[in-house]
Amino acid sequence: MRKVLRAVLTIPALAGLVLPALIAAGLTGAVLAAPVRYDVPEPTAQFRAPKDTAHQAGFEAAQGNCQTCHSVDYIATQPPGKGKAFWEAEVSKMIKIYHAPIDEADGRAIATYLSDTY
């Protein structure tokens, strides 16, 4: 009896039985699977549009100056709601410490835009 089982249940014979069963199980699972739904997160690789037209100049100045040195992700990942003093200090640091070529008027507009938007 053992010799008969050994002869019948060789590795190729087992593969011939098991492999189709695994494929059938996989296909059945794929057919019965429910679609996955998720909300796409807010994009962080671009500046958020200003909340009102008063901050359009700061938005444009930020696009033209801030992305020269770093990505928008750097700004978007800062703690939210820090206020105008925080952003004025950040913009001032970029100008005075890191020598960012931003003029004063643009710096003020950028800080106002960032404090209102982020």
Protein backbone atom coordinates (compact mmCIF):
# COMPACT_ATOMS: atom_id res chain seq x y z
CA MET A 1 0.00 0.00 0.00
CA ARG A 2 2.80 2.44 0.86
CA LYS A 3 4.54 1.77 -2.42
CA VAL A 4 1.34 2.51 -4.28
CA LEU A 5 0.82 5.82 -2.42
CA ARG A 6 4.43 6.79 -2.99
CA ALA A 7 4.09 6.11 -6.67
CA VAL A 8 0.84 8.05 -6.96
CA LEU A 9 1.73 11.01 -4.70
CA THR A 10 4.96 12.15 -6.25
CA ILE A 11 5.86 15.83 -6.18
CA PRO A 12 4.80 16.49 -9.78
CA ALA A 13 1.51 14.71 -9.13
CA LEU A 14 0.89 16.75 -5.98
CA ALA A 15 1.79 19.95 -7.81
CA GLY A 16 -0.69 19.00 -10.51
CA LEU A 17 -3.44 18.72 -7.89
CA VAL A 18 -2.52 21.51 -5.49
CA LEU A 19 -1.56 24.22 -7.97
CA PRO A 20 -4.93 24.32 -9.78
CA ALA A 21 -6.72 24.33 -6.41
CA LEU A 22 -4.65 27.31 -5.23
CA ILE A 23 -5.25 29.18 -8.47
CA ALA A 24 -9.00 28.54 -8.24
CA ALA A 25 -9.06 29.75 -4.62
CA GLY A 26 -7.11 32.88 -5.55
CA LEU A 27 -9.39 33.70 -8.46
CA THR A 28 -12.49 33.13 -6.33
CA GLY A 29 -11.13 35.52 -3.70
CA ALA A 30 -10.36 38.14 -6.33
CA VAL A 31 -13.85 37.91 -7.82
CA LEU A 32 -15.57 38.13 -4.43
CA ALA A 33 -13.38 40.94 -3.05
CA ALA A 34 -15.15 44.21 -2.30
CA PRO A 35 -13.73 47.39 -3.86
CA VAL A 36 -11.65 49.54 -1.54
CA ARG A 37 -12.85 53.10 -1.00
CA TYR A 38 -10.73 55.84 0.54
CA ASP A 39 -10.53 59.61 0.66
CA VAL A 40 -7.60 61.12 -1.16
CA PRO A 41 -5.62 63.37 1.20
CA GLU A 42 -5.20 67.06 0.49
CA PRO A 43 -2.25 67.62 -1.87
CA THR A 44 0.83 68.99 -0.12
CA ALA A 45 3.10 69.47 -3.13
CA GLN A 46 1.48 72.76 -4.10
CA PHE A 47 0.56 75.91 -2.22
CA ARG A 48 -3.02 76.17 -1.03
CA ALA A 49 -5.03 78.82 -2.80
CA PRO A 50 -5.46 81.99 -0.75
CA LYS A 51 -8.71 82.28 1.17
CA ASP A 52 -9.40 85.69 -0.35
CA THR A 53 -7.96 87.92 -3.05
CA ALA A 54 -6.23 90.14 -0.48
CA HIS A 55 -3.60 87.42 -0.06
CA GLN A 56 -3.02 86.80 -3.78
CA ALA A 57 0.25 88.79 -3.75
CA GLY A 58 1.59 86.67 -0.87
CA PHE A 59 0.51 83.49 -2.64
CA GLU A 60 2.36 84.51 -5.79
CA ALA A 61 5.42 85.66 -3.82
CA ALA A 62 5.51 82.34 -1.95
CA GLN A 63 5.31 80.42 -5.22
CA GLY A 64 8.13 82.49 -6.68
CA ASN A 65 10.43 82.50 -3.66
CA CYS A 66 9.84 79.65 -1.20
CA GLN A 67 10.05 76.82 -3.73
CA THR A 68 13.50 77.99 -4.78
CA CYS A 69 14.99 76.32 -1.70
CA HIS A 70 12.48 73.75 -0.47
CA SER A 71 9.27 71.97 -1.35
CA VAL A 72 5.81 73.09 -0.32
CA ASP A 73 5.65 69.97 1.87
CA TYR A 74 8.05 71.73 4.22
CA ILE A 75 5.52 74.52 4.72
CA ALA A 76 2.45 72.28 4.79
CA THR A 77 3.94 70.10 7.55
CA GLN A 78 4.56 73.01 9.94
CA PRO A 79 2.27 73.05 12.99
CA PRO A 80 -1.10 74.48 11.90
CA GLY A 81 -2.54 77.72 13.25
CA LYS A 82 0.73 79.22 14.50
CA GLY A 83 -0.33 82.73 13.57
CA LYS A 84 1.26 85.72 11.94
CA ALA A 85 4.14 86.16 14.44
CA PHE A 86 5.34 82.61 13.80
CA TRP A 87 5.32 83.04 10.02
CA GLU A 88 6.93 86.49 10.21
CA ALA A 89 9.74 84.93 12.26
CA GLU A 90 10.09 82.06 9.78
CA VAL A 91 10.23 84.36 6.75
CA SER A 92 12.65 86.68 8.58
CA LYS A 93 14.87 83.68 9.38
CA MET A 94 14.88 82.63 5.73
CA ILE A 95 15.95 86.14 4.70
CA LYS A 96 18.45 86.98 7.46
CA ILE A 97 19.95 83.60 8.36
CA TYR A 98 19.68 81.67 5.09
CA HIS A 99 20.04 84.75 2.84
CA ALA A 100 16.91 84.06 0.81
CA PRO A 101 16.67 86.74 -1.89
CA ILE A 102 13.23 88.00 -0.82
CA ASP A 103 12.52 91.72 -0.59
CA GLU A 104 10.76 93.13 2.49
CA ALA A 105 7.40 93.75 0.82
CA ASP A 106 7.28 90.19 -0.50
CA GLY A 107 8.38 88.87 2.91
CA ARG A 108 5.48 90.63 4.64
CA ALA A 109 3.03 89.43 1.98
CA ILE A 110 4.31 85.85 2.28
CA ALA A 111 4.00 85.88 6.08
CA THR A 112 0.45 87.25 5.88
CA TYR A 113 -0.55 84.67 3.27
CA LEU A 114 0.99 81.78 5.23
CA SER A 115 -0.56 82.83 8.54
CA ASP A 116 -4.00 83.08 6.96
CA THR A 117 -3.74 79.90 4.91
CA TYR A 118 -1.69 77.53 7.06
